[in-house]
C-alpha atoms as a PDB file:
ATOM      1  CA  MET A   1     -51.673  47.609 122.407  1.00  0.00           C
ATOM      2  CA  GLY A   2     -48.674  45.998 120.690  1.00  0.00           C
ATOM      3  CA  LEU A   3     -47.972  43.614 123.564  1.00  0.00           C
ATOM      4  CA  ILE A   4     -51.634  42.659 123.954  1.00  0.00           C
ATOM      5  CA  GLN A   5     -51.947  41.888 120.253  1.00  0.00           C
ATOM      6  CA  LEU A   6     -48.760  39.844 120.395  1.00  0.00           C
ATOM      7  CA  VAL A   7     -50.029  37.800 123.349  1.00  0.00           C
ATOM      8  CA  VAL A   8     -53.288  37.100 121.506  1.00  0.00           C
ATOM      9  CA  MET A   9     -51.438  36.057 118.356  1.00  0.00           C
ATOM     10  CA  CYS A  10     -49.040  33.885 120.336  1.00  0.00           C
ATOM     11  CA  THR A  11     -51.981  32.159 122.010  1.00  0.00           C
ATOM     12  CA  LEU A  12     -53.667  31.516 118.666  1.00  0.00           C
ATOM     13  CA  LEU A  13     -50.413  30.353 117.097  1.00  0.00           C
ATOM     14  CA  GLY A  14     -49.591  27.960 119.920  1.00  0.00           C
ATOM     15  CA  GLY A  15     -53.115  26.560 120.093  1.00  0.00           C
ATOM     16  CA  ALA A  16     -53.347  26.077 116.336  1.00  0.00           C
ATOM     17  CA  SER A  17     -49.943  24.384 116.177  1.00  0.00           C
ATOM     18  CA  PHE A  18     -50.831  22.032 119.029  1.00  0.00           C
ATOM     19  CA  GLY A  19     -54.279  21.180 117.669  1.00  0.00           C
ATOM     20  CA  LEU A  20     -53.110  20.604 114.111  1.00  0.00           C
ATOM     21  CA  GLY A  21     -50.152  18.597 115.344  1.00  0.00           C
ATOM     22  CA  LEU A  22     -52.416  16.100 117.091  1.00  0.00           C
ATOM     23  CA  LEU A  23     -54.907  15.718 114.233  1.00  0.00           C
ATOM     24  CA  PRO A  24     -53.011  12.887 112.460  1.00  0.00           C
ATOM     25  CA  LEU A  25     -53.604  10.748 115.559  1.00  0.00           C
ATOM     26  CA  VAL A  26     -57.334  10.705 114.825  1.00  0.00           C
ATOM     27  CA  VAL A  27     -57.763  11.859 111.210  1.00  0.00           C
ATOM     28  CA  THR A  28     -56.194  10.689 107.951  1.00  0.00           C
ATOM     29  CA  PHE A  29     -55.231  13.549 105.646  1.00  0.00           C
ATOM     30  CA  SER A  30     -54.818  13.557 101.892  1.00  0.00           C
ATOM     31  CA  LYS A  31     -51.152  13.899 100.943  1.00  0.00           C
ATOM     32  CA  SER A  32     -52.030  16.080  97.967  1.00  0.00           C
ATOM     33  CA  ARG A  33     -53.975  18.529 100.139  1.00  0.00           C
ATOM     34  CA  ILE A  34     -51.142  18.792 102.662  1.00  0.00           C
ATOM     35  CA  SER A  35     -48.694  19.302  99.806  1.00  0.00           C
ATOM     36  CA  GLN A  36     -50.843  22.159  98.497  1.00  0.00           C
ATOM     37  CA  ILE A  37     -50.918  23.862 101.901  1.00  0.00           C
ATOM     38  CA  SER A  38     -47.171  23.412 102.299  1.00  0.00           C
ATOM     39  CA  THR A  39     -46.499  24.953  98.879  1.00  0.00           C
ATOM     40  CA  ILE A  40     -48.702  27.958  99.639  1.00  0.00           C
ATOM     41  CA  GLY A  41     -46.917  28.328 102.965  1.00  0.00           C
ATOM     42  CA  THR A  42     -43.566  28.414 101.184  1.00  0.00           C
ATOM     43  CA  GLY A  43     -44.823  31.192  98.932  1.00  0.00           C
ATOM     44  CA  LEU A  44     -46.165  33.116 101.917  1.00  0.00           C
ATOM     45  CA  LEU A  45     -42.795  32.922 103.659  1.00  0.00           C
ATOM     46  CA  LEU A  46     -41.010  34.211 100.563  1.00  0.00           C
ATOM     47  CA  GLY A  47     -43.577  36.952 100.014  1.00  0.00           C
ATOM     48  CA  ALA A  48     -43.549  38.012 103.651  1.00  0.00           C
ATOM     49  CA  ALA A  49     -39.749  38.104 103.721  1.00  0.00           C
ATOM     50  CA  MET A  50     -39.118  39.938 100.443  1.00  0.00           C
ATOM     51  CA  GLY A  51     -42.280  42.039 100.283  1.00  0.00           C
ATOM     52  CA  VAL A  52     -42.925  42.984 103.912  1.00  0.00           C
ATOM     53  CA  VAL A  53     -40.351  42.050 106.560  1.00  0.00           C
ATOM     54  CA  ILE A  54     -37.158  43.066 104.746  1.00  0.00           C
ATOM     55  CA  PRO A  55     -38.559  46.382 103.390  1.00  0.00           C
ATOM     56  CA  GLU A  56     -39.827  47.271 106.872  1.00  0.00           C
ATOM     57  CA  GLY A  57     -36.456  46.444 108.370  1.00  0.00           C
ATOM     58  CA  ILE A  58     -34.691  48.619 105.808  1.00  0.00           C
ATOM     59  CA  GLU A  59     -37.091  51.473 106.500  1.00  0.00           C
ATOM     60  CA  ALA A  60     -36.611  51.200 110.266  1.00  0.00           C
ATOM     61  CA  LEU A  61     -32.828  51.247 109.926  1.00  0.00           C
ATOM     62  CA  HIS A  62     -32.998  54.150 107.491  1.00  0.00           C
ATOM     63  CA  HIS A  63     -35.077  56.270 109.876  1.00  0.00           C
ATOM     64  CA  ALA A  64     -32.789  55.371 112.771  1.00  0.00           C
ATOM     65  CA  ASN A  65     -29.836  56.500 110.664  1.00  0.00           C
ATOM     66  CA  GLU A  66     -31.434  59.796 109.589  1.00  0.00           C
ATOM     67  CA  SER A  67     -30.424  61.677 112.727  1.00  0.00           C
ATOM     68  CA  LYS A  68     -26.777  60.714 112.336  1.00  0.00           C
ATOM     69  CA  SER A  69     -26.837  61.380 108.602  1.00  0.00           C
ATOM     70  CA  SER A  70     -28.357  64.855 109.049  1.00  0.00           C
ATOM     71  CA  GLU A  71     -25.372  65.894 111.147  1.00  0.00           C
ATOM     72  CA  LYS A  72     -23.085  65.081 108.228  1.00  0.00           C
ATOM     73  CA  GLY A  73     -25.374  66.779 105.724  1.00  0.00           C
ATOM     74  CA  ALA A  74     -26.075  63.565 103.819  1.00  0.00           C
ATOM     75  CA  ASP A  75     -28.908  61.060 103.842  1.00  0.00           C
ATOM     76  CA  GLU A  76     -27.026  57.779 103.912  1.00  0.00           C
ATOM     77  CA  VAL A  77     -28.569  54.326 103.666  1.00  0.00           C
ATOM     78  CA  PRO A  78     -26.899  51.747 105.969  1.00  0.00           C
ATOM     79  CA  THR A  79     -26.397  49.210 103.222  1.00  0.00           C
ATOM     80  CA  ARG A  80     -23.634  47.312 105.010  1.00  0.00           C
ATOM     81  CA  THR A  81     -25.766  46.880 108.133  1.00  0.00           C
ATOM     82  CA  ILE A  82     -28.699  45.704 106.028  1.00  0.00           C
ATOM     83  CA  ALA A  83     -26.582  43.162 104.190  1.00  0.00           C
ATOM     84  CA  LEU A  84     -24.921  41.943 107.392  1.00  0.00           C
ATOM     85  CA  CYS A  85     -28.269  41.370 109.145  1.00  0.00           C
ATOM     86  CA  LEU A  86     -29.655  39.383 106.220  1.00  0.00           C
ATOM     87  CA  LEU A  87     -26.491  37.315 105.920  1.00  0.00           C
ATOM     88  CA  CYS A  88     -26.371  36.592 109.652  1.00  0.00           C
ATOM     89  CA  GLY A  89     -29.983  35.385 109.688  1.00  0.00           C
ATOM     90  CA  PHE A  90     -29.418  33.128 106.692  1.00  0.00           C
ATOM     91  CA  ILE A  91     -26.078  31.806 107.973  1.00  0.00           C
ATOM     92  CA  LEU A  92     -27.474  31.071 111.436  1.00  0.00           C
ATOM     93  CA  MET A  93     -30.115  28.761 109.987  1.00  0.00           C
ATOM     94  CA  LEU A  94     -27.501  27.202 107.704  1.00  0.00           C
ATOM     95  CA  VAL A  95     -25.206  26.429 110.644  1.00  0.00           C
ATOM     96  CA  ILE A  96     -28.053  25.050 112.746  1.00  0.00           C
ATOM     97  CA  GLU A  97     -29.315  22.859 109.933  1.00  0.00           C
ATOM     98  CA  GLN A  98     -25.945  21.498 108.856  1.00  0.00           C
ATOM     99  CA  LEU A  99     -23.959  21.289 112.091  1.00  0.00           C
ATOM    100  CA  ILE A 100     -26.216  21.373 115.138  1.00  0.00           C
ATOM    101  CA  THR A 101     -29.336  19.502 114.023  1.00  0.00           C
ATOM    102  CA  PRO A 102     -28.452  15.837 113.391  1.00  0.00           C
ATOM    103  CA  SER A 103     -31.685  14.997 111.566  1.00  0.00           C
ATOM    104  CA  HIS A 104     -30.355  16.079 108.149  1.00  0.00           C
ATOM    105  CA  GLN A 105     -27.869  13.231 108.195  1.00  0.00           C
ATOM    106  CA  HIS A 106     -30.682  10.731 107.961  1.00  0.00           C
ATOM    107  CA  GLN A 107     -32.030  12.248 104.761  1.00  0.00           C
ATOM    108  CA  SER A 108     -28.930  12.212 102.565  1.00  0.00           C
ATOM    109  CA  THR A 109     -28.226   8.470 102.380  1.00  0.00           C
ATOM    110  CA  PRO A 110     -30.749   6.527 100.304  1.00  0.00           C
ATOM    111  CA  ALA A 111     -31.806   3.059 101.299  1.00  0.00           C
ATOM    112  CA  PRO A 112     -30.155   0.199  99.407  1.00  0.00           C
ATOM    113  CA  PRO A 113     -31.898  -1.033  96.259  1.00  0.00           C
ATOM    114  CA  VAL A 114     -34.340  -3.883  96.699  1.00  0.00           C
ATOM    115  CA  THR A 115     -34.610  -6.457  93.911  1.00  0.00           C
ATOM    116  CA  VAL A 116     -38.050  -7.966  93.352  1.00  0.00           C
ATOM    117  CA  PHE A 117     -38.345 -11.285  91.483  1.00  0.00           C
ATOM    118  CA  ASP A 118     -41.429 -12.848  90.011  1.00  0.00           C
ATOM    119  CA  GLU A 119     -42.603 -16.433  90.599  1.00  0.00           C
ATOM    120  CA  ASP A 120     -40.650 -17.847  87.623  1.00  0.00           C
ATOM    121  CA  ASP A 121     -37.393 -16.474  89.006  1.00  0.00           C
ATOM    122  CA  ILE A 122     -38.062 -17.951  92.441  1.00  0.00           C
ATOM    123  CA  GLU A 123     -38.992 -21.329  90.950  1.00  0.00           C
ATOM    124  CA  GLN A 124     -35.793 -21.401  88.915  1.00  0.00           C
ATOM    125  CA  LEU A 125     -33.757 -20.623  92.021  1.00  0.00           C
ATOM    126  CA  GLU A 126     -35.354 -23.582  93.809  1.00  0.00           C
ATOM    127  CA  LEU A 127     -34.934 -26.050  90.911  1.00  0.00           C
ATOM    128  CA  GLY A 128     -31.481 -24.922  89.860  1.00  0.00           C
ATOM    129  CA  PRO A 129     -30.210 -24.657  86.262  1.00  0.00           C
ATOM    130  CA  ALA A 130     -31.361 -27.105  83.640  1.00  0.00           C
ATOM    131  CA  PRO A 131     -28.875 -29.825  82.576  1.00  0.00           C
ATOM    132  CA  GLY A 132     -26.151 -28.301  80.459  1.00  0.00           C
ATOM    133  CA  ASP A 133     -27.068 -24.744  81.443  1.00  0.00           C
ATOM    134  CA  GLN A 134     -24.777 -22.474  83.390  1.00  0.00           C
ATOM    135  CA  TYR A 135     -25.392 -19.092  84.893  1.00  0.00           C
ATOM    136  CA  PRO A 136     -23.133 -16.591  83.220  1.00  0.00           C
ATOM    137  CA  GLY A 137     -20.858 -14.343  85.216  1.00  0.00           C
ATOM    138  CA  PRO A 138     -21.563 -10.672  85.515  1.00  0.00           C
ATOM    139  CA  PRO A 139     -21.907  -9.399  81.949  1.00  0.00           C
ATOM    140  CA  VAL A 140     -19.929  -6.478  80.646  1.00  0.00           C
ATOM    141  CA  ASP A 141     -21.767  -3.406  79.385  1.00  0.00           C
ATOM    142  CA  PRO A 142     -20.665  -1.478  76.261  1.00  0.00           C
ATOM    143  CA  THR A 143     -18.385   0.747  78.353  1.00  0.00           C
ATOM    144  CA  GLY A 144     -16.383  -2.248  79.550  1.00  0.00           C
ATOM    145  CA  ARG A 145     -17.634  -2.139  83.140  1.00  0.00           C
ATOM    146  CA  ARG A 146     -19.158  -5.196  84.773  1.00  0.00           C
ATOM    147  CA  ARG A 147     -22.790  -4.825  85.712  1.00  0.00           C
ATOM    148  CA  SER A 148     -23.870  -5.392  89.296  1.00  0.00           C
ATOM    149  CA  ILE A 149     -25.804  -8.483  90.282  1.00  0.00           C
ATOM    150  CA  ASP A 150     -28.923  -6.366  90.747  1.00  0.00           C
ATOM    151  CA  SER A 151     -29.034  -5.797  86.985  1.00  0.00           C
ATOM    152  CA  ILE A 152     -28.543  -9.455  86.018  1.00  0.00           C
ATOM    153  CA  SER A 153     -31.527 -11.622  85.214  1.00  0.00           C
ATOM    154  CA  LEU A 154     -31.736 -15.003  86.864  1.00  0.00           C
ATOM    155  CA  ASN A 155     -33.430 -16.376  83.793  1.00  0.00           C
ATOM    156  CA  ALA A 156     -30.267 -17.040  81.780  1.00  0.00           C
ATOM    157  CA  ARG A 157     -31.564 -19.668  79.386  1.00  0.00           C
ATOM    158  CA  ASN A 158     -31.874 -17.177  76.546  1.00  0.00           C
ATOM    159  CA  GLY A 159     -29.010 -14.967  77.700  1.00  0.00           C
ATOM    160  CA  ILE A 160     -31.240 -11.917  78.138  1.00  0.00           C
ATOM    161  CA  ASP A 161     -32.490  -9.953  81.119  1.00  0.00           C
ATOM    162  CA  SER A 162     -35.889 -10.870  82.436  1.00  0.00           C
ATOM    163  CA  PRO A 163     -38.341  -8.008  82.065  1.00  0.00           C
ATOM    164  CA  THR A 164     -40.202  -9.144  85.159  1.00  0.00           C
ATOM    165  CA  LYS A 165     -37.406  -8.347  87.602  1.00  0.00           C
ATOM    166  CA  ARG A 166     -37.646  -4.889  89.110  1.00  0.00           C
ATOM    167  CA  THR A 167     -35.271  -2.861  91.246  1.00  0.00           C
ATOM    168  CA  ARG A 168     -36.670  -0.287  93.600  1.00  0.00           C
ATOM    169  CA  THR A 169     -34.538   2.205  95.416  1.00  0.00           C
ATOM    170  CA  GLY A 170     -35.758   3.079  98.873  1.00  0.00           C
ATOM    171  CA  SER A 171     -35.895   6.557 100.294  1.00  0.00           C
ATOM    172  CA  HIS A 172     -35.921   7.989 103.760  1.00  0.00           C
ATOM    173  CA  GLY A 173     -38.192  10.874 102.800  1.00  0.00           C
ATOM    174  CA  ASP A 174     -41.907  11.180 102.255  1.00  0.00           C
ATOM    175  CA  VAL A 175     -44.265  13.773 100.843  1.00  0.00           C
ATOM    176  CA  PHE A 176     -43.902  15.879 103.975  1.00  0.00           C
ATOM    177  CA  GLY A 177     -40.158  16.188 103.609  1.00  0.00           C
ATOM    178  CA  THR A 178     -39.501  14.449 106.923  1.00  0.00           C
ATOM    179  CA  PRO A 179     -37.298  11.414 107.462  1.00  0.00           C
ATOM    180  CA  LYS A 180     -39.117   8.156 108.029  1.00  0.00           C
ATOM    181  CA  ASP A 181     -36.315   6.368 109.853  1.00  0.00           C
ATOM    182  CA  GLY A 182     -34.727   9.291 111.687  1.00  0.00           C
ATOM    183  CA  ASN A 183     -34.313   9.858 115.389  1.00  0.00           C
ATOM    184  CA  PRO A 184     -37.612  11.313 116.680  1.00  0.00           C
ATOM    185  CA  ASN A 185     -35.777  13.575 119.122  1.00  0.00           C
ATOM    186  CA  ALA A 186     -33.618  14.929 116.292  1.00  0.00           C
ATOM    187  CA  ILE A 187     -36.678  15.556 114.126  1.00  0.00           C
ATOM    188  CA  THR A 188     -38.394  17.509 116.891  1.00  0.00           C
ATOM    189  CA  LEU A 189     -35.218  19.423 117.747  1.00  0.00           C
ATOM    190  CA  GLY A 190     -34.780  20.551 114.161  1.00  0.00           C
ATOM    191  CA  LEU A 191     -38.350  21.825 113.879  1.00  0.00           C
ATOM    192  CA  VAL A 192     -38.164  23.497 117.293  1.00  0.00           C
ATOM    193  CA  ILE A 193     -35.078  25.441 116.212  1.00  0.00           C
ATOM    194  CA  HIS A 194     -36.783  26.465 112.988  1.00  0.00           C
ATOM    195  CA  SER A 195     -39.818  27.585 114.994  1.00  0.00           C
ATOM    196  CA  MET A 196     -37.576  30.007 116.858  1.00  0.00           C
ATOM    197  CA  ALA A 197     -37.036  31.848 113.580  1.00  0.00           C
ATOM    198  CA  ASP A 198     -40.810  32.205 113.187  1.00  0.00           C
ATOM    199  CA  GLY A 199     -41.088  33.595 116.703  1.00  0.00           C
ATOM    200  CA  LEU A 200     -38.253  36.026 116.044  1.00  0.00           C
ATOM    201  CA  ALA A 201     -40.075  37.450 113.029  1.00  0.00           C
ATOM    202  CA  LEU A 202     -43.388  37.738 114.891  1.00  0.00           C
ATOM    203  CA  GLY A 203     -41.809  39.440 117.901  1.00  0.00           C
ATOM    204  CA  ALA A 204     -39.859  41.886 115.757  1.00  0.00           C
ATOM    205  CA  SER A 205     -42.927  42.771 113.695  1.00  0.00           C
ATOM    206  CA  ALA A 206     -44.940  43.387 116.863  1.00  0.00           C
ATOM    207  CA  ARG A 207     -42.227  45.726 118.175  1.00  0.00           C
ATOM    208  CA  SER A 208     -42.283  47.743 114.960  1.00  0.00           C
ATOM    209  CA  GLY A 209     -45.707  49.163 115.796  1.00  0.00           C
ATOM    210  CA  GLN A 210     -47.071  48.294 112.335  1.00  0.00           C
ATOM    211  CA  ASN A 211     -50.339  46.409 112.831  1.00  0.00           C
ATOM    212  CA  ALA A 212     -50.552  45.428 109.166  1.00  0.00           C
ATOM    213  CA  LEU A 213     -46.994  44.089 109.226  1.00  0.00           C
ATOM    214  CA  GLU A 214     -47.721  42.040 112.342  1.00  0.00           C
ATOM    215  CA  ALA A 215     -50.907  40.586 110.823  1.00  0.00           C
ATOM    216  CA  ILE A 216     -49.187  39.611 107.563  1.00  0.00           C
ATOM    217  CA  VAL A 217     -46.265  37.958 109.339  1.00  0.00           C
ATOM    218  CA  PHE A 218     -48.661  36.112 111.647  1.00  0.00           C
ATOM    219  CA  LEU A 219     -50.675  34.809 108.698  1.00  0.00           C
ATOM    220  CA  ALA A 220     -47.556  33.650 106.858  1.00  0.00           C
ATOM    221  CA  ILE A 221     -46.257  31.845 109.951  1.00  0.00           C
ATOM    222  CA  ILE A 222     -49.494  30.075 110.826  1.00  0.00           C
ATOM    223  CA  VAL A 223     -50.046  28.836 107.256  1.00  0.00           C
ATOM    224  CA  HIS A 224     -46.429  27.674 107.155  1.00  0.00           C
ATOM    225  CA  LYS A 225     -46.687  25.875 110.508  1.00  0.00           C
ATOM    226  CA  ALA A 226     -49.904  23.999 109.679  1.00  0.00           C
ATOM    227  CA  PRO A 227     -48.355  21.380 107.346  1.00  0.00           C
ATOM    228  CA  THR A 228     -45.198  21.343 109.469  1.00  0.00           C
ATOM    229  CA  ALA A 229     -47.183  20.340 112.555  1.00  0.00           C
ATOM    230  CA  LEU A 230     -48.981  17.617 110.603  1.00  0.00           C
ATOM    231  CA  ALA A 231     -45.669  16.374 109.232  1.00  0.00           C
ATOM    232  CA  LEU A 232     -44.071  16.262 112.679  1.00  0.00           C
ATOM    233  CA  CYS A 233     -46.831  14.110 114.125  1.00  0.00           C
ATOM    234  CA  THR A 234     -46.784  11.837 111.085  1.00  0.00           C
ATOM    235  CA  ALA A 235     -43.019  11.374 111.397  1.00  0.00           C
ATOM    236  CA  LEU A 236     -43.245  10.594 115.126  1.00  0.00           C
ATOM    237  CA  MET A 237     -46.125   8.109 114.979  1.00  0.00           C
ATOM    238  CA  PRO A 238     -44.023   5.069 113.905  1.00  0.00           C
ATOM    239  CA  HIS A 239     -41.488   5.691 116.687  1.00  0.00           C
ATOM    240  CA  LEU A 240     -43.268   6.982 119.796  1.00  0.00           C
ATOM    241  CA  PRO A 241     -46.421   6.281 121.836  1.00  0.00           C
ATOM    242  CA  ARG A 242     -49.221   8.830 121.862  1.00  0.00           C
ATOM    243  CA  GLN A 243     -48.221  10.354 125.185  1.00  0.00           C
ATOM    244  CA  SER A 244     -44.675  11.026 123.991  1.00  0.00           C
ATOM    245  CA  ILE A 245     -45.977  12.446 120.716  1.00  0.00           C
ATOM    246  CA  ARG A 246     -48.092  14.925 122.674  1.00  0.00           C
ATOM    247  CA  ARG A 247     -45.009  16.094 124.569  1.00  0.00           C
ATOM    248  CA  HIS A 248     -43.079  16.605 121.326  1.00  0.00           C
ATOM    249  CA  ILE A 249     -45.994  18.497 119.762  1.00  0.00           C
ATOM    250  CA  THR A 250     -46.297  20.638 122.889  1.00  0.00           C
ATOM    251  CA  ALA A 251     -42.624  21.627 122.690  1.00  0.00           C
ATOM    252  CA  PHE A 252     -43.024  22.442 119.006  1.00  0.00           C
ATOM    253  CA  ALA A 253     -46.192  24.493 119.596  1.00  0.00           C
ATOM    254  CA  LEU A 254     -44.733  26.558 122.456  1.00  0.00           C
ATOM    255  CA  THR A 255     -41.456  27.455 120.765  1.00  0.00           C
ATOM    256  CA  SER A 256     -42.684  30.171 118.397  1.00  0.00           C
ATOM    257  CA  PRO A 257     -44.864  32.002 120.972  1.00  0.00           C
ATOM    258  CA  LEU A 258     -42.081  31.986 123.563  1.00  0.00           C
ATOM    259  CA  ALA A 259     -39.505  33.126 121.003  1.00  0.00           C
ATOM    260  CA  ALA A 260     -41.832  35.938 119.897  1.00  0.00           C
ATOM    261  CA  LEU A 261     -42.294  37.215 123.453  1.00  0.00           C
ATOM    262  CA  MET A 262     -38.570  36.961 124.185  1.00  0.00           C
ATOM    263  CA  THR A 263     -37.749  38.902 121.009  1.00  0.00           C
ATOM    264  CA  TYR A 264     -40.287  41.596 121.877  1.00  0.00           C
ATOM    265  CA  PHE A 265     -38.843  42.202 125.346  1.00  0.00           C
ATOM    266  CA  LEU A 266     -35.236  41.831 124.170  1.00  0.00           C
ATOM    267  CA  VAL A 267     -35.668  44.531 121.533  1.00  0.00           C
ATOM    268  CA  GLU A 268     -37.371  46.755 124.092  1.00  0.00           C
ATOM    269  CA  PHE A 269     -34.519  46.186 126.554  1.00  0.00           C
ATOM    270  CA  LEU A 270     -31.755  46.832 124.026  1.00  0.00           C
ATOM    271  CA  GLY A 271     -33.448  49.729 122.292  1.00  0.00           C
ATOM    272  CA  GLU A 272     -33.611  52.954 124.224  1.00  0.00           C
ATOM    273  CA  HIS A 273     -35.632  55.853 122.872  1.00  0.00           C
ATOM    274  CA  ASP A 274     -32.984  56.800 120.350  1.00  0.00           C
ATOM    275  CA  SER A 275     -32.064  53.265 119.239  1.00  0.00           C
ATOM    276  CA  LEU A 276     -35.372  51.389 119.392  1.00  0.00           C
ATOM    277  CA  ALA A 277     -35.991  51.807 115.661  1.00  0.00           C
ATOM    278  CA  ARG A 278     -32.482  50.577 114.917  1.00  0.00           C
ATOM    279  CA  TRP A 279     -32.816  47.372 116.943  1.00  0.00           C
ATOM    280  CA  THR A 280     -36.287  46.763 115.520  1.00  0.00           C
ATOM    281  CA  GLY A 281     -34.890  47.058 111.999  1.00  0.00           C
ATOM    282  CA  ILE A 282     -32.013  44.721 112.833  1.00  0.00           C
ATOM    283  CA  ALA A 283     -34.427  42.129 114.241  1.00  0.00           C
ATOM    284  CA  LEU A 284     -36.690  42.384 111.188  1.00  0.00           C
ATOM    285  CA  LEU A 285     -33.819  41.993 108.723  1.00  0.00           C
ATOM    286  CA  PHE A 286     -32.320  39.123 110.696  1.00  0.00           C
ATOM    287  CA  SER A 287     -35.683  37.327 110.703  1.00  0.00           C
ATOM    288  CA  GLY A 288     -36.015  38.059 106.990  1.00  0.00           C
ATOM    289  CA  GLY A 289     -32.771  36.174 106.415  1.00  0.00           C
ATOM    290  CA  THR A 290     -34.054  33.188 108.389  1.00  0.00           C
ATOM    291  CA  PHE A 291     -37.306  33.251 106.400  1.00  0.00           C
ATOM    292  CA  LEU A 292     -35.377  33.129 103.141  1.00  0.00           C
ATOM    293  CA  TYR A 293     -33.404  30.099 104.305  1.00  0.00           C
ATOM    294  CA  VAL A 294     -36.467  28.198 105.507  1.00  0.00           C
ATOM    295  CA  ALA A 295     -38.383  28.899 102.298  1.00  0.00           C
ATOM    296  CA  THR A 296     -35.610  28.360  99.746  1.00  0.00           C
ATOM    297  CA  VAL A 297     -33.358  25.719 101.321  1.00  0.00           C
ATOM    298  CA  LEU A 298     -35.480  23.711 103.751  1.00  0.00           C
ATOM    299  CA  GLN A 299     -38.541  23.793 101.460  1.00  0.00           C
ATOM    300  CA  PRO A 300     -37.151  24.265  97.930  1.00  0.00           C
ATOM    301  CA  ILE A 301     -39.909  25.039  95.449  1.00  0.00           C
ATOM    302  CA  SER A 302     -38.171  22.905  92.828  1.00  0.00           C
ATOM    303  CA  ALA A 303     -38.197  19.802  95.051  1.00  0.00           C
ATOM    304  CA  HIS A 304     -40.548  17.314  93.532  1.00  0.00           C
ATOM    305  CA  GLY A 305     -40.560  13.587  93.079  1.00  0.00           C
ATOM    306  CA  HIS A 306     -42.792  10.719  92.153  1.00  0.00           C
ATOM    307  CA  HIS A 307     -44.547  10.194  95.456  1.00  0.00           C
ATOM    308  CA  GLU A 308     -48.256   9.699  95.605  1.00  0.00           C
ATOM    309  CA  GLY A 309     -50.015  13.023  96.002  1.00  0.00           C
ATOM    310  CA  GLU A 310     -47.060  15.043  94.705  1.00  0.00           C
ATOM    311  CA  LEU A 311     -48.066  18.246  92.932  1.00  0.00           C
ATOM    312  CA  LYS A 312     -47.365  18.819  89.266  1.00  0.00           C
ATOM    313  CA  PRO A 313     -44.640  21.403  88.564  1.00  0.00           C
ATOM    314  CA  GLY A 314     -47.113  23.868  87.063  1.00  0.00           C
ATOM    315  CA  VAL A 315     -49.467  23.656  90.034  1.00  0.00           C
ATOM    316  CA  ARG A 316     -46.556  23.967  92.455  1.00  0.00           C
ATOM    317  CA  VAL A 317     -45.244  27.111  90.755  1.00  0.00           C
ATOM    318  CA  LEU A 318     -48.730  28.651  90.581  1.00  0.00           C
ATOM    319  CA  LEU A 319     -49.453  28.070  94.275  1.00  0.00           C
ATOM    320  CA  THR A 320     -46.024  29.391  95.247  1.00  0.00           C
ATOM    321  CA  VAL A 321     -46.439  32.575  93.193  1.00  0.00           C
ATOM    322  CA  LEU A 322     -49.929  33.161  94.602  1.00  0.00           C
ATOM    323  CA  GLY A 323     -48.557  32.751  98.094  1.00  0.00           C
ATOM    324  CA  MET A 324     -45.710  35.167  97.359  1.00  0.00           C
ATOM    325  CA  PHE A 325     -48.019  37.923  96.135  1.00  0.00           C
ATOM    326  CA  PHE A 326     -50.566  37.553  98.928  1.00  0.00           C
ATOM    327  CA  PRO A 327     -48.543  39.475 101.583  1.00  0.00           C
ATOM    328  CA  PHE A 328     -47.988  42.318  99.113  1.00  0.00           C
ATOM    329  CA  VAL A 329     -51.681  42.544  98.224  1.00  0.00           C
ATOM    330  CA  ALA A 330     -52.772  42.162 101.843  1.00  0.00           C
ATOM    331  CA  GLY A 331     -50.392  44.943 102.854  1.00  0.00           C
ATOM    332  CA  GLY A 332     -52.015  47.281 100.350  1.00  0.00           C
ATOM    333  CA  ILE A 333     -55.523  46.392 101.525  1.00  0.00           C
ATOM    334  CA  LEU A 334     -54.616  46.809 105.198  1.00  0.00           C
ATOM    335  CA  GLY A 335     -53.013  50.169 104.522  1.00  0.00           C
ATOM    336  CA  HIS A 336     -49.441  49.018 104.992  1.00  0.00           C
ATOM    337  CA  GLY A 337     -46.921  51.196 103.256  1.00  0.00           C
ATOM    338  CA  HIS A 338     -43.633  52.996 103.561  1.00  0.00           C
ATOM    339  CA  GLU A 339     -44.778  56.536 103.024  1.00  0.00           C
ATOM    340  CA  HIS A 340     -44.887  58.774 106.077  1.00  0.00           C
END
């Protein structure tokens, strides 16, 4: 039944990702609503990792180690293996994000500041200075440094800065956390690689034989992927035609299901009867490390700005905490536990 349930979940996950990814082509979504869903998804990833996936992985490794420990007369916990699996999962996503995926390079450099002048400034530029007037050179601030031309008023008659001139600093990011001016192929590649981590967690949870664990991980992934799919389509729309966008969304939607099935069969192939629990625990802990990276680094809960539709800090924290506790509560309702 584990494989059948996994196939059903993979079908639902792929279909939902594809359908949601194409919605921005026909429907306009509220940025605040998408931000709310994304914040809840971040909390679900954290809750699923720390409250479900990692504890299950530790339990699986502990049971796999019991037979060896009983021979030595001691019940040892494989702490080094647990730590190594978590670190490897986290480091893999770090390496992919920083070295392999080129899209992050487009997010670090802000756009140059744009100076906006009012009509009086433009008129004075056209007419030139009044007789006897001269534009002063770059003034010196109290620290002795010369101010840039962007901070100098063109209205120099009174020797003061004009309050009507404004400087706006551009940004490559939007409320979805995706680059506006990045390479569309790089954007899709980055999200496809991150989707592999979701598939790894789903496949490992299905191989554990815990139906409640599989359901909780599936719910966390699908809620997390909903705003990601919307963001991907939104980021691709300025760069690609509709047909190309559909191909990118298709690749994104198929990645997690395929990765889940590959993980399921890989664990089954590597794990014989005496080592199946061990490889299942390793896969769960490794996926837990990737979850932690995606939730804490790629979608930091403290990241907030002044964009339209951005959540207030209190609302963001509340939604994140609710999302974190949901897997724990759902596990109790579904009968998930560690007692045998």
